[in-house]
Every structure is written in structure tokens, then in C-alpha cells.
Full PDB file with SEQRES, HELIX, SHEET, SSBOND, CRYST1, ORIGX, SCALE, CONECT and MASTER records, all heavy atoms in Angstrom:
SEQRES   1 A   40  THR ARG GLU GLN ARG GLU PHE LEU GLU ARG LEU GLN ARG          
SEQRES   2 A   40  ASP THR PHE ALA PHE PHE TRP ASP ALA PRO PRO GLY GLY          
SEQRES   3 A   40  ASN GLY LEU THR PRO ASP ARG SER SER ASN PRO ASP LEU          
SEQRES   4 A   40  ALA                                                          
HELIX    1 AA1 ARG A    2  ASP A   21  1                                  20    
CRYST1    1.000    1.000    1.000  90.00  90.00  90.00 P 1           1          
ORIGX1      1.000000  0.000000  0.000000        0.00000                         
ORIGX2      0.000000  1.000000  0.000000        0.00000                         
ORIGX3      0.000000  0.000000  1.000000        0.00000                         
SCALE1      1.000000  0.000000  0.000000        0.00000                         
SCALE2      0.000000  1.000000  0.000000        0.00000                         
SCALE3      0.000000  0.000000  1.000000        0.00000                         
ATOM      1  N   THR A   1     -98.465 152.318  99.551  1.00  0.00           N  
ATOM      2  CA  THR A   1     -99.364 151.258  99.121  1.00  0.00           C  
ATOM      3  C   THR A   1    -100.564 151.859  98.401  1.00  0.00           C  
ATOM      4  O   THR A   1    -100.841 153.065  98.504  1.00  0.00           O  
ATOM      5  CB  THR A   1     -99.863 150.440 100.315  1.00  0.00           C  
ATOM      6  OG1 THR A   1    -100.719 151.269 101.127  1.00  0.00           O  
ATOM      7  CG2 THR A   1     -98.695 149.920 101.154  1.00  0.00           C  
ATOM      8  N   ARG A   2    -101.288 151.024  97.701  1.00  0.00           N  
ATOM      9  CA  ARG A   2    -102.488 151.497  96.991  1.00  0.00           C  
ATOM     10  C   ARG A   2    -103.496 152.069  97.988  1.00  0.00           C  
ATOM     11  O   ARG A   2    -104.111 153.113  97.736  1.00  0.00           O  
ATOM     12  CB  ARG A   2    -103.111 150.349  96.200  1.00  0.00           C  
ATOM     13  CG  ARG A   2    -104.374 150.737  95.446  1.00  0.00           C  
ATOM     14  CD  ARG A   2    -104.905 149.574  94.637  1.00  0.00           C  
ATOM     15  NE  ARG A   2    -106.141 149.928  93.952  1.00  0.00           N  
ATOM     16  CZ  ARG A   2    -106.825 149.097  93.173  1.00  0.00           C  
ATOM     17  NH1 ARG A   2    -106.389 147.850  92.973  1.00  0.00           N  
ATOM     18  NH2 ARG A   2    -107.949 149.499  92.600  1.00  0.00           N  
ATOM     19  N   GLU A   3    -103.677 151.393  99.114  1.00  0.00           N  
ATOM     20  CA  GLU A   3    -104.614 151.872 100.123  1.00  0.00           C  
ATOM     21  C   GLU A   3    -104.189 153.234 100.652  1.00  0.00           C  
ATOM     22  O   GLU A   3    -105.024 154.136 100.806  1.00  0.00           O  
ATOM     23  CB  GLU A   3    -104.686 150.880 101.289  1.00  0.00           C  
ATOM     24  CG  GLU A   3    -105.572 151.363 102.442  1.00  0.00           C  
ATOM     25  CD  GLU A   3    -105.396 150.553 103.716  1.00  0.00           C  
ATOM     26  OE1 GLU A   3    -104.411 149.796 103.808  1.00  0.00           O  
ATOM     27  OE2 GLU A   3    -106.228 150.711 104.626  1.00  0.00           O  
ATOM     28  N   GLN A   4    -102.916 153.395 100.909  1.00  0.00           N  
ATOM     29  CA  GLN A   4    -102.428 154.673 101.413  1.00  0.00           C  
ATOM     30  C   GLN A   4    -102.617 155.790 100.397  1.00  0.00           C  
ATOM     31  O   GLN A   4    -103.049 156.891 100.742  1.00  0.00           O  
ATOM     32  CB  GLN A   4    -100.954 154.548 101.795  1.00  0.00           C  
ATOM     33  CG  GLN A   4    -100.687 153.710 103.035  1.00  0.00           C  
ATOM     34  CD  GLN A   4     -99.213 153.458 103.274  1.00  0.00           C  
ATOM     35  OE1 GLN A   4     -98.395 153.494 102.335  1.00  0.00           O  
ATOM     36  NE2 GLN A   4     -98.840 153.181 104.508  1.00  0.00           N  
ATOM     37  N   ARG A   5    -102.295 155.507  99.137  1.00  0.00           N  
ATOM     38  CA  ARG A   5    -102.435 156.536  98.108  1.00  0.00           C  
ATOM     39  C   ARG A   5    -103.897 156.945  97.951  1.00  0.00           C  
ATOM     40  O   ARG A   5    -104.212 158.141  97.839  1.00  0.00           O  
ATOM     41  CB  ARG A   5    -101.875 156.040  96.778  1.00  0.00           C  
ATOM     42  CG  ARG A   5    -101.961 157.075  95.656  1.00  0.00           C  
ATOM     43  CD  ARG A   5    -101.286 156.581  94.399  1.00  0.00           C  
ATOM     44  NE  ARG A   5     -99.846 156.530  94.551  1.00  0.00           N  
ATOM     45  CZ  ARG A   5     -99.048 157.567  94.348  1.00  0.00           C  
ATOM     46  NH1 ARG A   5     -99.540 158.738  93.985  1.00  0.00           N  
ATOM     47  NH2 ARG A   5     -97.744 157.436  94.490  1.00  0.00           N  
ATOM     48  N   GLU A   6    -104.798 155.981  97.925  1.00  0.00           N  
ATOM     49  CA  GLU A   6    -106.220 156.299  97.785  1.00  0.00           C  
ATOM     50  C   GLU A   6    -106.706 157.141  98.959  1.00  0.00           C  
ATOM     51  O   GLU A   6    -107.483 158.086  98.787  1.00  0.00           O  
ATOM     52  CB  GLU A   6    -107.039 155.011  97.666  1.00  0.00           C  
ATOM     53  CG  GLU A   6    -106.839 154.293  96.333  1.00  0.00           C  
ATOM     54  CD  GLU A   6    -107.569 152.960  96.270  1.00  0.00           C  
ATOM     55  OE1 GLU A   6    -108.086 152.512  97.331  1.00  0.00           O  
ATOM     56  OE2 GLU A   6    -107.621 152.367  95.171  1.00  0.00           O  
ATOM     57  N   PHE A   7    -106.231 156.799 100.151  1.00  0.00           N  
ATOM     58  CA  PHE A   7    -106.625 157.580 101.325  1.00  0.00           C  
ATOM     59  C   PHE A   7    -106.068 158.996 101.247  1.00  0.00           C  
ATOM     60  O   PHE A   7    -106.783 159.976 101.526  1.00  0.00           O  
ATOM     61  CB  PHE A   7    -106.142 156.902 102.605  1.00  0.00           C  
ATOM     62  CG  PHE A   7    -106.282 157.771 103.820  1.00  0.00           C  
ATOM     63  CD1 PHE A   7    -107.531 158.027 104.361  1.00  0.00           C  
ATOM     64  CD2 PHE A   7    -105.165 158.374 104.385  1.00  0.00           C  
ATOM     65  CE1 PHE A   7    -107.666 158.854 105.466  1.00  0.00           C  
ATOM     66  CE2 PHE A   7    -105.295 159.196 105.485  1.00  0.00           C  
ATOM     67  CZ  PHE A   7    -106.549 159.439 106.029  1.00  0.00           C  
ATOM     68  N   LEU A   8    -104.803 159.144 100.885  1.00  0.00           N  
ATOM     69  CA  LEU A   8    -104.202 160.472 100.803  1.00  0.00           C  
ATOM     70  C   LEU A   8    -104.922 161.341  99.776  1.00  0.00           C  
ATOM     71  O   LEU A   8    -105.151 162.544 100.009  1.00  0.00           O  
ATOM     72  CB  LEU A   8    -102.720 160.358 100.451  1.00  0.00           C  
ATOM     73  CG  LEU A   8    -101.798 159.759 101.515  1.00  0.00           C  
ATOM     74  CD1 LEU A   8    -100.385 159.610 100.966  1.00  0.00           C  
ATOM     75  CD2 LEU A   8    -101.792 160.600 102.786  1.00  0.00           C  
ATOM     76  N   GLU A   9    -105.295 160.763  98.665  1.00  0.00           N  
ATOM     77  CA  GLU A   9    -105.969 161.547  97.633  1.00  0.00           C  
ATOM     78  C   GLU A   9    -107.386 161.929  98.071  1.00  0.00           C  
ATOM     79  O   GLU A   9    -107.868 163.028  97.758  1.00  0.00           O  
ATOM     80  CB  GLU A   9    -105.965 160.776  96.325  1.00  0.00           C  
ATOM     81  CG  GLU A   9    -104.542 160.683  95.729  1.00  0.00           C  
ATOM     82  CD  GLU A   9    -104.479 159.939  94.417  1.00  0.00           C  
ATOM     83  OE1 GLU A   9    -105.483 159.287  94.049  1.00  0.00           O  
ATOM     84  OE2 GLU A   9    -103.417 160.001  93.763  1.00  0.00           O  
ATOM     85  N   ARG A  10    -108.053 161.036  98.799  1.00  0.00           N  
ATOM     86  CA  ARG A  10    -109.365 161.409  99.342  1.00  0.00           C  
ATOM     87  C   ARG A  10    -109.214 162.528 100.357  1.00  0.00           C  
ATOM     88  O   ARG A  10    -109.993 163.495 100.358  1.00  0.00           O  
ATOM     89  CB  ARG A  10    -110.032 160.201  99.999  1.00  0.00           C  
ATOM     90  CG  ARG A  10    -111.346 160.571 100.692  1.00  0.00           C  
ATOM     91  CD  ARG A  10    -111.860 159.494 101.613  1.00  0.00           C  
ATOM     92  NE  ARG A  10    -112.963 160.002 102.415  1.00  0.00           N  
ATOM     93  CZ  ARG A  10    -113.561 159.322 103.378  1.00  0.00           C  
ATOM     94  NH1 ARG A  10    -113.167 158.089 103.668  1.00  0.00           N  
ATOM     95  NH2 ARG A  10    -114.551 159.858 104.071  1.00  0.00           N  
ATOM     96  N   LEU A  11    -108.221 162.411 101.232  1.00  0.00           N  
ATOM     97  CA  LEU A  11    -107.970 163.452 102.222  1.00  0.00           C  
ATOM     98  C   LEU A  11    -107.664 164.777 101.539  1.00  0.00           C  
ATOM     99  O   LEU A  11    -108.161 165.836 101.957  1.00  0.00           O  
ATOM    100  CB  LEU A  11    -106.811 163.025 103.116  1.00  0.00           C  
ATOM    101  CG  LEU A  11    -106.277 164.067 104.108  1.00  0.00           C  
ATOM    102  CD1 LEU A  11    -107.370 164.550 105.048  1.00  0.00           C  
ATOM    103  CD2 LEU A  11    -105.101 163.485 104.905  1.00  0.00           C  
ATOM    104  N   GLN A  12    -106.867 164.748 100.498  1.00  0.00           N  
ATOM    105  CA  GLN A  12    -106.564 165.976  99.772  1.00  0.00           C  
ATOM    106  C   GLN A  12    -107.814 166.602  99.174  1.00  0.00           C  
ATOM    107  O   GLN A  12    -108.023 167.810  99.264  1.00  0.00           O  
ATOM    108  CB  GLN A  12    -105.572 165.681  98.646  1.00  0.00           C  
ATOM    109  CG  GLN A  12    -104.129 165.545  99.082  1.00  0.00           C  
ATOM    110  CD  GLN A  12    -103.225 165.472  97.870  1.00  0.00           C  
ATOM    111  OE1 GLN A  12    -103.224 164.482  97.141  1.00  0.00           O  
ATOM    112  NE2 GLN A  12    -102.459 166.528  97.637  1.00  0.00           N  
ATOM    113  N   ARG A  13    -108.652 165.775  98.565  1.00  0.00           N  
ATOM    114  CA  ARG A  13    -109.847 166.323  97.923  1.00  0.00           C  
ATOM    115  C   ARG A  13    -110.787 166.952  98.949  1.00  0.00           C  
ATOM    116  O   ARG A  13    -111.325 168.040  98.725  1.00  0.00           O  
ATOM    117  CB  ARG A  13    -110.576 165.230  97.142  1.00  0.00           C  
ATOM    118  CG  ARG A  13    -111.833 165.746  96.443  1.00  0.00           C  
ATOM    119  CD  ARG A  13    -112.357 164.832  95.383  1.00  0.00           C  
ATOM    120  NE  ARG A  13    -113.418 165.483  94.611  1.00  0.00           N  
ATOM    121  CZ  ARG A  13    -113.883 165.037  93.472  1.00  0.00           C  
ATOM    122  NH1 ARG A  13    -113.375 163.928  92.934  1.00  0.00           N  
ATOM    123  NH2 ARG A  13    -114.838 165.672  92.834  1.00  0.00           N  
ATOM    124  N   ASP A  14    -110.974 166.273 100.075  1.00  0.00           N  
ATOM    125  CA  ASP A  14    -111.852 166.821 101.101  1.00  0.00           C  
ATOM    126  C   ASP A  14    -111.279 168.097 101.690  1.00  0.00           C  
ATOM    127  O   ASP A  14    -112.012 169.058 101.971  1.00  0.00           O  
ATOM    128  CB  ASP A  14    -112.077 165.777 102.205  1.00  0.00           C  
ATOM    129  CG  ASP A  14    -112.896 164.578 101.725  1.00  0.00           C  
ATOM    130  OD1 ASP A  14    -113.578 164.704 100.700  1.00  0.00           O  
ATOM    131  OD2 ASP A  14    -112.836 163.527 102.390  1.00  0.00           O  
ATOM    132  N   THR A  15    -109.967 168.132 101.882  1.00  0.00           N  
ATOM    133  CA  THR A  15    -109.325 169.321 102.442  1.00  0.00           C  
ATOM    134  C   THR A  15    -109.358 170.471 101.448  1.00  0.00           C  
ATOM    135  O   THR A  15    -109.577 171.634 101.818  1.00  0.00           O  
ATOM    136  CB  THR A  15    -107.878 169.004 102.852  1.00  0.00           C  
ATOM    137  OG1 THR A  15    -107.866 167.851 103.701  1.00  0.00           O  
ATOM    138  CG2 THR A  15    -107.251 170.168 103.596  1.00  0.00           C  
ATOM    139  N   PHE A  16    -109.158 170.165 100.176  1.00  0.00           N  
ATOM    140  CA  PHE A  16    -109.259 171.196  99.140  1.00  0.00           C  
ATOM    141  C   PHE A  16    -110.637 171.852  99.154  1.00  0.00           C  
ATOM    142  O   PHE A  16    -110.761 173.073  98.949  1.00  0.00           O  
ATOM    143  CB  PHE A  16    -108.990 170.582  97.763  1.00  0.00           C  
ATOM    144  CG  PHE A  16    -109.250 171.518  96.618  1.00  0.00           C  
ATOM    145  CD1 PHE A  16    -108.327 172.487  96.262  1.00  0.00           C  
ATOM    146  CD2 PHE A  16    -110.441 171.448  95.889  1.00  0.00           C  
ATOM    147  CE1 PHE A  16    -108.567 173.373  95.215  1.00  0.00           C  
ATOM    148  CE2 PHE A  16    -110.689 172.318  94.842  1.00  0.00           C  
ATOM    149  CZ  PHE A  16    -109.749 173.281  94.498  1.00  0.00           C  
ATOM    150  N   ALA A  17    -111.673 171.055  99.411  1.00  0.00           N  
ATOM    151  CA  ALA A  17    -113.036 171.592  99.414  1.00  0.00           C  
ATOM    152  C   ALA A  17    -113.207 172.682 100.457  1.00  0.00           C  
ATOM    153  O   ALA A  17    -114.006 173.606 100.272  1.00  0.00           O  
ATOM    154  CB  ALA A  17    -114.043 170.466  99.641  1.00  0.00           C  
ATOM    155  N   PHE A  18    -112.462 172.599 101.568  1.00  0.00           N  
ATOM    156  CA  PHE A  18    -112.523 173.673 102.567  1.00  0.00           C  
ATOM    157  C   PHE A  18    -112.128 174.999 101.921  1.00  0.00           C  
ATOM    158  O   PHE A  18    -112.800 176.021 102.097  1.00  0.00           O  
ATOM    159  CB  PHE A  18    -111.611 173.365 103.750  1.00  0.00           C  
ATOM    160  CG  PHE A  18    -111.435 174.535 104.689  1.00  0.00           C  
ATOM    161  CD1 PHE A  18    -112.361 174.774 105.687  1.00  0.00           C  
ATOM    162  CD2 PHE A  18    -110.362 175.412 104.554  1.00  0.00           C  
ATOM    163  CE1 PHE A  18    -112.212 175.859 106.542  1.00  0.00           C  
ATOM    164  CE2 PHE A  18    -110.206 176.501 105.397  1.00  0.00           C  
ATOM    165  CZ  PHE A  18    -111.134 176.725 106.397  1.00  0.00           C  
ATOM    166  N   PHE A  19    -111.028 175.013 101.203  1.00  0.00           N  
ATOM    167  CA  PHE A  19    -110.552 176.250 100.606  1.00  0.00           C  
ATOM    168  C   PHE A  19    -111.446 176.705  99.451  1.00  0.00           C  
ATOM    169  O   PHE A  19    -111.659 177.904  99.264  1.00  0.00           O  
ATOM    170  CB  PHE A  19    -109.105 176.081 100.140  1.00  0.00           C  
ATOM    171  CG  PHE A  19    -108.130 175.957 101.270  1.00  0.00           C  
ATOM    172  CD1 PHE A  19    -107.563 174.740 101.589  1.00  0.00           C  
ATOM    173  CD2 PHE A  19    -107.793 177.061 102.037  1.00  0.00           C  
ATOM    174  CE1 PHE A  19    -106.673 174.616 102.647  1.00  0.00           C  
ATOM    175  CE2 PHE A  19    -106.908 176.962 103.097  1.00  0.00           C  
ATOM    176  CZ  PHE A  19    -106.347 175.736 103.402  1.00  0.00           C  
ATOM    177  N   TRP A  20    -111.962 175.761  98.697  1.00  0.00           N  
ATOM    178  CA  TRP A  20    -112.784 176.145  97.551  1.00  0.00           C  
ATOM    179  C   TRP A  20    -114.149 176.661  97.986  1.00  0.00           C  
ATOM    180  O   TRP A  20    -114.684 177.610  97.410  1.00  0.00           O  
ATOM    181  CB  TRP A  20    -112.939 174.971  96.590  1.00  0.00           C  
ATOM    182  CG  TRP A  20    -113.522 175.397  95.284  1.00  0.00           C  
ATOM    183  CD1 TRP A  20    -114.781 175.166  94.817  1.00  0.00           C  
ATOM    184  CD2 TRP A  20    -112.867 176.170  94.269  1.00  0.00           C  
ATOM    185  NE1 TRP A  20    -114.959 175.729  93.590  1.00  0.00           N  
ATOM    186  CE2 TRP A  20    -113.794 176.353  93.221  1.00  0.00           C  
ATOM    187  CE3 TRP A  20    -111.591 176.710  94.148  1.00  0.00           C  
ATOM    188  CZ2 TRP A  20    -113.477 177.062  92.063  1.00  0.00           C  
ATOM    189  CZ3 TRP A  20    -111.280 177.416  92.996  1.00  0.00           C  
ATOM    190  CH2 TRP A  20    -112.221 177.588  91.967  1.00  0.00           C  
ATOM    191  N   ASP A  21    -114.709 176.062  99.040  1.00  0.00           N  
ATOM    192  CA  ASP A  21    -116.044 176.459  99.490  1.00  0.00           C  
ATOM    193  C   ASP A  21    -116.022 177.657 100.423  1.00  0.00           C  
ATOM    194  O   ASP A  21    -117.049 178.293 100.640  1.00  0.00           O  
ATOM    195  CB  ASP A  21    -116.720 175.301 100.251  1.00  0.00           C  
ATOM    196  CG  ASP A  21    -117.034 174.105  99.358  1.00  0.00           C  
ATOM    197  OD1 ASP A  21    -116.904 174.229  98.129  1.00  0.00           O  
ATOM    198  OD2 ASP A  21    -117.396 173.050  99.917  1.00  0.00           O  
ATOM    199  N   ALA A  22    -114.868 177.981 100.994  1.00  0.00           N  
ATOM    200  CA  ALA A  22    -114.815 178.871 102.144  1.00  0.00           C  
ATOM    201  C   ALA A  22    -115.147 180.338 101.891  1.00  0.00           C  
ATOM    202  O   ALA A  22    -115.903 180.930 102.663  1.00  0.00           O  
ATOM    203  CB  ALA A  22    -113.442 178.760 102.812  1.00  0.00           C  
ATOM    204  N   PRO A  23    -114.607 181.023 100.868  1.00  0.00           N  
ATOM    205  CA  PRO A  23    -114.795 182.486 100.791  1.00  0.00           C  
ATOM    206  C   PRO A  23    -116.260 182.879 100.706  1.00  0.00           C  
ATOM    207  O   PRO A  23    -116.958 182.476  99.774  1.00  0.00           O  
ATOM    208  CB  PRO A  23    -114.031 182.870  99.515  1.00  0.00           C  
ATOM    209  CG  PRO A  23    -113.002 181.800  99.366  1.00  0.00           C  
ATOM    210  CD  PRO A  23    -113.685 180.545  99.839  1.00  0.00           C  
ATOM    211  N   PRO A  24    -116.748 183.695 101.661  1.00  0.00           N  
ATOM    212  CA  PRO A  24    -118.178 184.022 101.676  1.00  0.00           C  
ATOM    213  C   PRO A  24    -118.538 185.328 100.994  1.00  0.00           C  
ATOM    214  O   PRO A  24    -119.702 185.583 100.732  1.00  0.00           O  
ATOM    215  CB  PRO A  24    -118.468 184.135 103.179  1.00  0.00           C  
ATOM    216  CG  PRO A  24    -117.200 184.731 103.725  1.00  0.00           C  
ATOM    217  CD  PRO A  24    -116.077 184.178 102.876  1.00  0.00           C  
ATOM    218  N   GLY A  25    -117.536 186.189 100.740  1.00  0.00           N  
ATOM    219  CA  GLY A  25    -117.860 187.544 100.336  1.00  0.00           C  
ATOM    220  C   GLY A  25    -117.709 187.854  98.865  1.00  0.00           C  
ATOM    221  O   GLY A  25    -117.815 189.009  98.454  1.00  0.00           O  
ATOM    222  N   GLY A  26    -117.415 186.849  98.036  1.00  0.00           N  
ATOM    223  CA  GLY A  26    -117.231 187.094  96.621  1.00  0.00           C  
ATOM    224  C   GLY A  26    -115.936 187.803  96.288  1.00  0.00           C  
ATOM    225  O   GLY A  26    -115.758 188.263  95.161  1.00  0.00           O  
ATOM    226  N   ASN A  27    -115.027 187.889  97.272  1.00  0.00           N  
ATOM    227  CA  ASN A  27    -113.773 188.604  97.067  1.00  0.00           C  
ATOM    228  C   ASN A  27    -112.551 187.703  97.195  1.00  0.00           C  
ATOM    229  O   ASN A  27    -111.420 188.170  97.141  1.00  0.00           O  
ATOM    230  CB  ASN A  27    -113.657 189.767  98.055  1.00  0.00           C  
ATOM    231  CG  ASN A  27    -113.851 189.312  99.500  1.00  0.00           C  
ATOM    232  OD1 ASN A  27    -113.755 188.121  99.801  1.00  0.00           O  
ATOM    233  ND2 ASN A  27    -114.139 190.252 100.379  1.00  0.00           N  
ATOM    234  N   GLY A  28    -112.771 186.416  97.403  1.00  0.00           N  
ATOM    235  CA  GLY A  28    -111.677 185.458  97.468  1.00  0.00           C  
ATOM    236  C   GLY A  28    -110.956 185.401  98.794  1.00  0.00           C  
ATOM    237  O   GLY A  28    -109.960 184.685  98.917  1.00  0.00           O  
ATOM    238  N   LEU A  29    -111.416 186.128  99.804  1.00  0.00           N  
ATOM    239  CA  LEU A  29    -110.744 186.138 101.107  1.00  0.00           C  
ATOM    240  C   LEU A  29    -111.184 184.927 101.926  1.00  0.00           C  
ATOM    241  O   LEU A  29    -112.371 184.751 102.196  1.00  0.00           O  
ATOM    242  CB  LEU A  29    -111.036 187.434 101.857  1.00  0.00           C  
ATOM    243  CG  LEU A  29    -110.561 188.713 101.159  1.00  0.00           C  
ATOM    244  CD1 LEU A  29    -110.871 189.936 102.016  1.00  0.00           C  
ATOM    245  CD2 LEU A  29    -109.058 188.644 100.849  1.00  0.00           C  
ATOM    246  N   THR A  30    -110.226 184.113 102.325  1.00  0.00           N  
ATOM    247  CA  THR A  30    -110.503 182.831 102.954  1.00  0.00           C  
ATOM    248  C   THR A  30    -110.683 182.978 104.457  1.00  0.00           C  
ATOM    249  O   THR A  30    -109.830 183.576 105.132  1.00  0.00           O  
ATOM    250  CB  THR A  30    -109.335 181.858 102.694  1.00  0.00           C  
ATOM    251  OG1 THR A  30    -109.103 181.792 101.288  1.00  0.00           O  
ATOM    252  CG2 THR A  30    -109.635 180.476 103.229  1.00  0.00           C  
ATOM    253  N   PRO A  31    -111.749 182.424 105.030  1.00  0.00           N  
ATOM    254  CA  PRO A  31    -111.936 182.493 106.487  1.00  0.00           C  
ATOM    255  C   PRO A  31    -110.803 181.811 107.243  1.00  0.00           C  
ATOM    256  O   PRO A  31    -110.230 180.816 106.781  1.00  0.00           O  
ATOM    257  CB  PRO A  31    -113.262 181.770 106.706  1.00  0.00           C  
ATOM    258  CG  PRO A  31    -113.996 181.909 105.423  1.00  0.00           C  
ATOM    259  CD  PRO A  31    -112.927 181.841 104.362  1.00  0.00           C  
ATOM    260  N   ASP A  32    -110.528 182.343 108.416  1.00  0.00           N  
ATOM    261  CA  ASP A  32    -109.510 181.767 109.281  1.00  0.00           C  
ATOM    262  C   ASP A  32    -109.917 180.381 109.759  1.00  0.00           C  
ATOM    263  O   ASP A  32    -109.076 179.485 109.855  1.00  0.00           O  
ATOM    264  CB  ASP A  32    -109.300 182.689 110.481  1.00  0.00           C  
ATOM    265  CG  ASP A  32    -108.316 182.132 111.487  1.00  0.00           C  
ATOM    266  OD1 ASP A  32    -107.155 181.906 111.104  1.00  0.00           O  
ATOM    267  OD2 ASP A  32    -108.703 181.928 112.656  1.00  0.00           O  
ATOM    268  N   ARG A  33    -111.191 180.197 110.050  1.00  0.00           N  
ATOM    269  CA  ARG A  33    -111.673 178.909 110.544  1.00  0.00           C  
ATOM    270  C   ARG A  33    -113.144 178.738 110.185  1.00  0.00           C  
ATOM    271  O   ARG A  33    -113.842 179.690 109.850  1.00  0.00           O  
ATOM    272  CB  ARG A  33    -111.469 178.781 112.042  1.00  0.00           C  
ATOM    273  CG  ARG A  33    -112.153 179.834 112.887  1.00  0.00           C  
ATOM    274  CD  ARG A  33    -112.095 179.499 114.380  1.00  0.00           C  
ATOM    275  NE  ARG A  33    -110.751 179.426 114.893  1.00  0.00           N  
ATOM    276  CZ  ARG A  33    -110.317 178.450 115.706  1.00  0.00           C  
ATOM    277  NH1 ARG A  33    -111.147 177.489 116.072  1.00  0.00           N  
ATOM    278  NH2 ARG A  33    -109.075 178.452 116.170  1.00  0.00           N  
ATOM    279  N   SER A  34    -113.603 177.494 110.299  1.00  0.00           N  
ATOM    280  CA  SER A  34    -114.946 177.160 109.832  1.00  0.00           C  
ATOM    281  C   SER A  34    -116.043 177.767 110.687  1.00  0.00           C  
ATOM    282  O   SER A  34    -117.151 177.987 110.201  1.00  0.00           O  
ATOM    283  CB  SER A  34    -115.110 175.640 109.791  1.00  0.00           C  
ATOM    284  OG  SER A  34    -114.833 175.054 111.063  1.00  0.00           O  
ATOM    285  N   SER A  35    -115.769 178.068 111.954  1.00  0.00           N  
ATOM    286  CA  SER A  35    -116.826 178.558 112.840  1.00  0.00           C  
ATOM    287  C   SER A  35    -117.161 180.015 112.613  1.00  0.00           C  
ATOM    288  O   SER A  35    -118.194 180.492 113.077  1.00  0.00           O  
ATOM    289  CB  SER A  35    -116.420 178.359 114.306  1.00  0.00           C  
ATOM    290  OG  SER A  35    -115.246 179.114 114.595  1.00  0.00           O  
ATOM    291  N   ASN A  36    -116.301 180.747 111.920  1.00  0.00           N  
ATOM    292  CA  ASN A  36    -116.530 182.175 111.728  1.00  0.00           C  
ATOM    293  C   ASN A  36    -116.188 182.566 110.296  1.00  0.00           C  
ATOM    294  O   ASN A  36    -115.104 183.081 110.025  1.00  0.00           O  
ATOM    295  CB  ASN A  36    -115.694 182.994 112.710  1.00  0.00           C  
ATOM    296  CG  ASN A  36    -116.058 184.475 112.693  1.00  0.00           C  
ATOM    297  OD1 ASN A  36    -116.911 184.914 111.912  1.00  0.00           O  
ATOM    298  ND2 ASN A  36    -115.418 185.265 113.544  1.00  0.00           N  
ATOM    299  N   PRO A  37    -117.094 182.326 109.363  1.00  0.00           N  
ATOM    300  CA  PRO A  37    -116.785 182.615 107.952  1.00  0.00           C  
ATOM    301  C   PRO A  37    -116.586 184.087 107.657  1.00  0.00           C  
ATOM    302  O   PRO A  37    -116.079 184.433 106.587  1.00  0.00           O  
ATOM    303  CB  PRO A  37    -118.016 182.066 107.213  1.00  0.00           C  
ATOM    304  CG  PRO A  37    -119.106 182.035 108.237  1.00  0.00           C  
ATOM    305  CD  PRO A  37    -118.443 181.753 109.543  1.00  0.00           C  
ATOM    306  N   ASP A  38    -116.959 184.959 108.591  1.00  0.00           N  
ATOM    307  CA  ASP A  38    -116.825 186.393 108.336  1.00  0.00           C  
ATOM    308  C   ASP A  38    -115.466 186.951 108.746  1.00  0.00           C  
ATOM    309  O   ASP A  38    -115.200 188.137 108.557  1.00  0.00           O  
ATOM    310  CB  ASP A  38    -117.928 187.160 109.068  1.00  0.00           C  
ATOM    311  CG  ASP A  38    -119.294 186.927 108.438  1.00  0.00           C  
ATOM    312  OD1 ASP A  38    -119.343 186.656 107.220  1.00  0.00           O  
ATOM    313  OD2 ASP A  38    -120.303 187.004 109.161  1.00  0.00           O  
ATOM    314  N   LEU A  39    -114.587 186.109 109.312  1.00  0.00           N  
ATOM    315  CA  LEU A  39    -113.257 186.563 109.704  1.00  0.00           C  
ATOM    316  C   LEU A  39    -112.214 185.849 108.856  1.00  0.00           C  
ATOM    317  O   LEU A  39    -112.027 184.640 108.976  1.00  0.00           O  
ATOM    318  CB  LEU A  39    -113.000 186.287 111.187  1.00  0.00           C  
ATOM    319  CG  LEU A  39    -111.660 186.811 111.728  1.00  0.00           C  
ATOM    320  CD1 LEU A  39    -111.660 188.342 111.759  1.00  0.00           C  
ATOM    321  CD2 LEU A  39    -111.377 186.238 113.111  1.00  0.00           C  
ATOM    322  N   ALA A  40    -111.542 186.598 108.002  1.00  0.00           N  
ATOM    323  CA  ALA A  40    -110.516 186.030 107.123  1.00  0.00           C  
ATOM    324  C   ALA A  40    -109.143 186.250 107.738  1.00  0.00           C  
ATOM    325  O   ALA A  40    -108.936 187.172 108.525  1.00  0.00           O  
ATOM    326  CB  ALA A  40    -110.561 186.680 105.746  1.00  0.00           C  
TER     327      ALA A  40                                                      
MASTER        0    0    0    1    0    0    0    6  326    1    0    4          
END                                                                             
């Protein structure tokens, strides 16, 4: 449905932001979890 598609795309965008915002060291290494950005 339209509602489902809009929700899925919002969920995708928000989830993508985790990966795009995550690397802290300028080297592209992604943290394992949000609570410890220094552990990839």
C-alpha cells in the first residue's frame, strides 16, 4: 500500500543514516554499535 511504501522508505532512510554518520576515524570503518563508536 502507499502507506506501507512510505513507511518502508522512511525506515530505510533513517537506517541508512546510521551507516553514513557512523565512521568516526576518517577511515570508513563502521562501529559495531551506537554505544561505542571506537569499536568497529
